[in-house]
Amino acid sequence: MTNENDENKILKQALDFYGVNLQIVVAMEELAELISELSRYFIRNTRNDGLSSMEKKYRLAGEVADVEIVCQTLRLLIGNDIVKERKYEKMIRLNERIGSEVRTIFKK
C-alpha cells in the first residue's frame, strides 16, 4: 500500500513525463473502460456466465482503481480544495434528497 503523499509524487511525475493533455485523454479512456465494465458486471449478474462473484468484483475493482487514480491526477490539475468544496456541496444536496439523518459530515 502507498500513502497519499507518495501517490501524489508519482502522479505529479507522470504529469510531467506524459503531459497534461495526454493525462486528460487517459482519464477519458479509463472512465470509458469503467462504463464498459459496469455494463458487463450488470449483464453478468443477470445471467450465469461462469464467472465467480469474486472474479466479477475483481474485474470491476480494477477499473474502479484506475478511475480513482485518474481522478486523483485530475485533483492535482485543478486543485484539491475546489474538488473537496464541490464534493461537500453535492453531499449536502444528496443528503437533503434522501432525507438522511446524518449531520456529522457537514461540519467544515
C-alpha atoms as a PDB file:
ATOM      1  CA  MET A   1       0.000   0.000   0.000  1.00  0.00           C
ATOM      2  CA  THR A   2       1.139   3.535  -0.709  1.00  0.00           C
ATOM      3  CA  ASN A   3       0.322   6.684   1.165  1.00  0.00           C
ATOM      4  CA  GLU A   4      -1.317   9.699  -0.427  1.00  0.00           C
ATOM      5  CA  ASN A   5       1.877  11.783  -0.459  1.00  0.00           C
ATOM      6  CA  ASP A   6       3.766   9.068  -2.326  1.00  0.00           C
ATOM      7  CA  GLU A   7       0.869   8.618  -4.724  1.00  0.00           C
ATOM      8  CA  ASN A   8       0.753  12.348  -5.437  1.00  0.00           C
ATOM      9  CA  LYS A   9       4.507  12.416  -6.101  1.00  0.00           C
ATOM     10  CA  ILE A  10       4.141   9.587  -8.615  1.00  0.00           C
ATOM     11  CA  LEU A  11       1.148  11.267 -10.271  1.00  0.00           C
ATOM     12  CA  LYS A  12       2.941  14.624 -10.499  1.00  0.00           C
ATOM     13  CA  GLN A  13       5.891  12.868 -12.130  1.00  0.00           C
ATOM     14  CA  ALA A  14       3.511  11.193 -14.586  1.00  0.00           C
ATOM     15  CA  LEU A  15       2.000  14.599 -15.408  1.00  0.00           C
ATOM     16  CA  ASP A  16       5.472  15.992 -16.058  1.00  0.00           C
ATOM     17  CA  PHE A  17       6.537  12.935 -18.054  1.00  0.00           C
ATOM     18  CA  TYR A  18       3.431  12.461 -20.206  1.00  0.00           C
ATOM     19  CA  GLY A  19       1.996  15.976 -20.168  1.00  0.00           C
ATOM     20  CA  VAL A  20      -1.374  17.317 -19.132  1.00  0.00           C
ATOM     21  CA  ASN A  21      -3.168  16.681 -22.427  1.00  0.00           C
ATOM     22  CA  LEU A  22      -2.229  13.010 -22.566  1.00  0.00           C
ATOM     23  CA  GLN A  23      -3.242  12.513 -18.936  1.00  0.00           C
ATOM     24  CA  ILE A  24      -6.646  14.036 -19.711  1.00  0.00           C
ATOM     25  CA  VAL A  25      -7.065  11.587 -22.595  1.00  0.00           C
ATOM     26  CA  VAL A  26      -6.031   8.733 -20.284  1.00  0.00           C
ATOM     27  CA  ALA A  27      -8.689   9.883 -17.806  1.00  0.00           C
ATOM     28  CA  MET A  28     -11.346   9.767 -20.532  1.00  0.00           C
ATOM     29  CA  GLU A  29     -10.211   6.288 -21.578  1.00  0.00           C
ATOM     30  CA  GLU A  30     -10.253   4.970 -18.022  1.00  0.00           C
ATOM     31  CA  LEU A  31     -13.729   6.391 -17.418  1.00  0.00           C
ATOM     32  CA  ALA A  32     -14.937   4.708 -20.625  1.00  0.00           C
ATOM     33  CA  GLU A  33     -13.407   1.411 -19.502  1.00  0.00           C
ATOM     34  CA  LEU A  34     -15.256   1.678 -16.182  1.00  0.00           C
ATOM     35  CA  ILE A  35     -18.518   2.287 -18.027  1.00  0.00           C
ATOM     36  CA  SER A  36     -17.899  -0.829 -20.140  1.00  0.00           C
ATOM     37  CA  GLU A  37     -17.007  -2.946 -17.121  1.00  0.00           C
ATOM     38  CA  LEU A  38     -20.091  -1.737 -15.234  1.00  0.00           C
ATOM     39  CA  SER A  39     -22.216  -2.807 -18.186  1.00  0.00           C
ATOM     40  CA  ARG A  40     -20.540  -6.228 -18.256  1.00  0.00           C
ATOM     41  CA  TYR A  41     -20.908  -6.514 -14.473  1.00  0.00           C
ATOM     42  CA  PHE A  42     -24.638  -5.787 -14.743  1.00  0.00           C
ATOM     43  CA  ILE A  43     -25.107  -8.278 -17.573  1.00  0.00           C
ATOM     44  CA  ARG A  44     -23.046 -10.961 -15.805  1.00  0.00           C
ATOM     45  CA  ASN A  45     -25.205 -10.599 -12.702  1.00  0.00           C
ATOM     46  CA  THR A  46     -28.375 -11.196 -14.697  1.00  0.00           C
ATOM     47  CA  ARG A  47     -27.186 -14.483 -16.183  1.00  0.00           C
ATOM     48  CA  ASN A  48     -24.801 -17.283 -15.383  1.00  0.00           C
ATOM     49  CA  ASP A  49     -21.621 -16.634 -17.369  1.00  0.00           C
ATOM     50  CA  GLY A  50     -19.361 -18.995 -15.457  1.00  0.00           C
ATOM     51  CA  LEU A  51     -17.500 -16.272 -13.565  1.00  0.00           C
ATOM     52  CA  SER A  52     -17.476 -16.375  -9.808  1.00  0.00           C
ATOM     53  CA  SER A  53     -18.827 -13.447  -7.837  1.00  0.00           C
ATOM     54  CA  MET A  54     -15.271 -12.716  -6.677  1.00  0.00           C
ATOM     55  CA  GLU A  55     -13.936 -12.650 -10.263  1.00  0.00           C
ATOM     56  CA  LYS A  56     -16.684 -10.226 -11.291  1.00  0.00           C
ATOM     57  CA  LYS A  57     -15.861  -7.964  -8.350  1.00  0.00           C
ATOM     58  CA  TYR A  58     -12.125  -8.246  -9.029  1.00  0.00           C
ATOM     59  CA  ARG A  59     -12.538  -7.072 -12.615  1.00  0.00           C
ATOM     60  CA  LEU A  60     -14.768  -4.194 -11.571  1.00  0.00           C
ATOM     61  CA  ALA A  61     -12.387  -3.238  -8.753  1.00  0.00           C
ATOM     62  CA  GLY A  62      -9.539  -2.957 -11.259  1.00  0.00           C
ATOM     63  CA  GLU A  63     -11.459  -0.403 -13.290  1.00  0.00           C
ATOM     64  CA  VAL A  64     -12.562   1.488 -10.172  1.00  0.00           C
ATOM     65  CA  ALA A  65      -8.902   1.644  -9.094  1.00  0.00           C
ATOM     66  CA  ASP A  66      -7.886   3.031 -12.495  1.00  0.00           C
ATOM     67  CA  VAL A  67     -10.580   5.709 -12.280  1.00  0.00           C
ATOM     68  CA  GLU A  68      -9.565   6.635  -8.739  1.00  0.00           C
ATOM     69  CA  ILE A  69      -6.005   7.126  -9.970  1.00  0.00           C
ATOM     70  CA  VAL A  70      -7.050   9.391 -12.833  1.00  0.00           C
ATOM     71  CA  CYS A  71      -9.409  11.309 -10.540  1.00  0.00           C
ATOM     72  CA  GLN A  72      -6.532  11.862  -8.140  1.00  0.00           C
ATOM     73  CA  THR A  73      -4.481  13.119 -11.101  1.00  0.00           C
ATOM     74  CA  LEU A  74      -7.289  15.494 -12.078  1.00  0.00           C
ATOM     75  CA  ARG A  75      -7.397  16.787  -8.496  1.00  0.00           C
ATOM     76  CA  LEU A  76      -3.732  17.704  -8.865  1.00  0.00           C
ATOM     77  CA  LEU A  77      -4.515  19.530 -12.101  1.00  0.00           C
ATOM     78  CA  ILE A  78      -7.500  21.565 -10.955  1.00  0.00           C
ATOM     79  CA  GLY A  79      -6.841  21.800  -7.248  1.00  0.00           C
ATOM     80  CA  ASN A  80      -7.857  19.514  -4.419  1.00  0.00           C
ATOM     81  CA  ASP A  81      -9.569  22.277  -2.438  1.00  0.00           C
ATOM     82  CA  ILE A  82     -12.065  23.113  -5.174  1.00  0.00           C
ATOM     83  CA  VAL A  83     -12.878  19.420  -5.658  1.00  0.00           C
ATOM     84  CA  LYS A  84     -13.404  18.978  -1.913  1.00  0.00           C
ATOM     85  CA  GLU A  85     -15.691  22.022  -1.835  1.00  0.00           C
ATOM     86  CA  ARG A  86     -17.774  20.785  -4.772  1.00  0.00           C
ATOM     87  CA  LYS A  87     -17.978  17.299  -3.246  1.00  0.00           C
ATOM     88  CA  TYR A  88     -19.130  18.817   0.030  1.00  0.00           C
ATOM     89  CA  GLU A  89     -21.885  20.752  -1.772  1.00  0.00           C
ATOM     90  CA  LYS A  90     -23.020  17.650  -3.627  1.00  0.00           C
ATOM     91  CA  MET A  91     -23.042  15.539  -0.464  1.00  0.00           C
ATOM     92  CA  ILE A  92     -25.280  18.122   1.215  1.00  0.00           C
ATOM     93  CA  ARG A  93     -27.633  18.031  -1.769  1.00  0.00           C
ATOM     94  CA  LEU A  94     -27.701  14.210  -1.768  1.00  0.00           C
ATOM     95  CA  ASN A  95     -28.301  14.169   1.970  1.00  0.00           C
ATOM     96  CA  GLU A  96     -31.279  16.516   1.527  1.00  0.00           C
ATOM     97  CA  ARG A  97     -32.710  14.480  -1.366  1.00  0.00           C
ATOM     98  CA  ILE A  98     -32.713  11.221   0.541  1.00  0.00           C
ATOM     99  CA  GLY A  99     -33.807  12.759   3.826  1.00  0.00           C
ATOM    100  CA  SER A 100     -30.862  11.326   5.690  1.00  0.00           C
ATOM    101  CA  GLU A 101     -30.487  11.842   9.399  1.00  0.00           C
ATOM    102  CA  VAL A 102     -26.714  12.172   9.016  1.00  0.00           C
ATOM    103  CA  ARG A 103     -25.474  15.600  10.046  1.00  0.00           C
ATOM    104  CA  THR A 104     -21.922  14.941  11.234  1.00  0.00           C
ATOM    105  CA  ILE A 105     -20.308  15.058   7.777  1.00  0.00           C
ATOM    106  CA  PHE A 106     -21.454  18.614   7.214  1.00  0.00           C
ATOM    107  CA  LYS A 107     -19.052  20.338   9.546  1.00  0.00           C
ATOM    108  CA  LYS A 108     -16.445  22.426   7.788  1.00  0.00           C
END
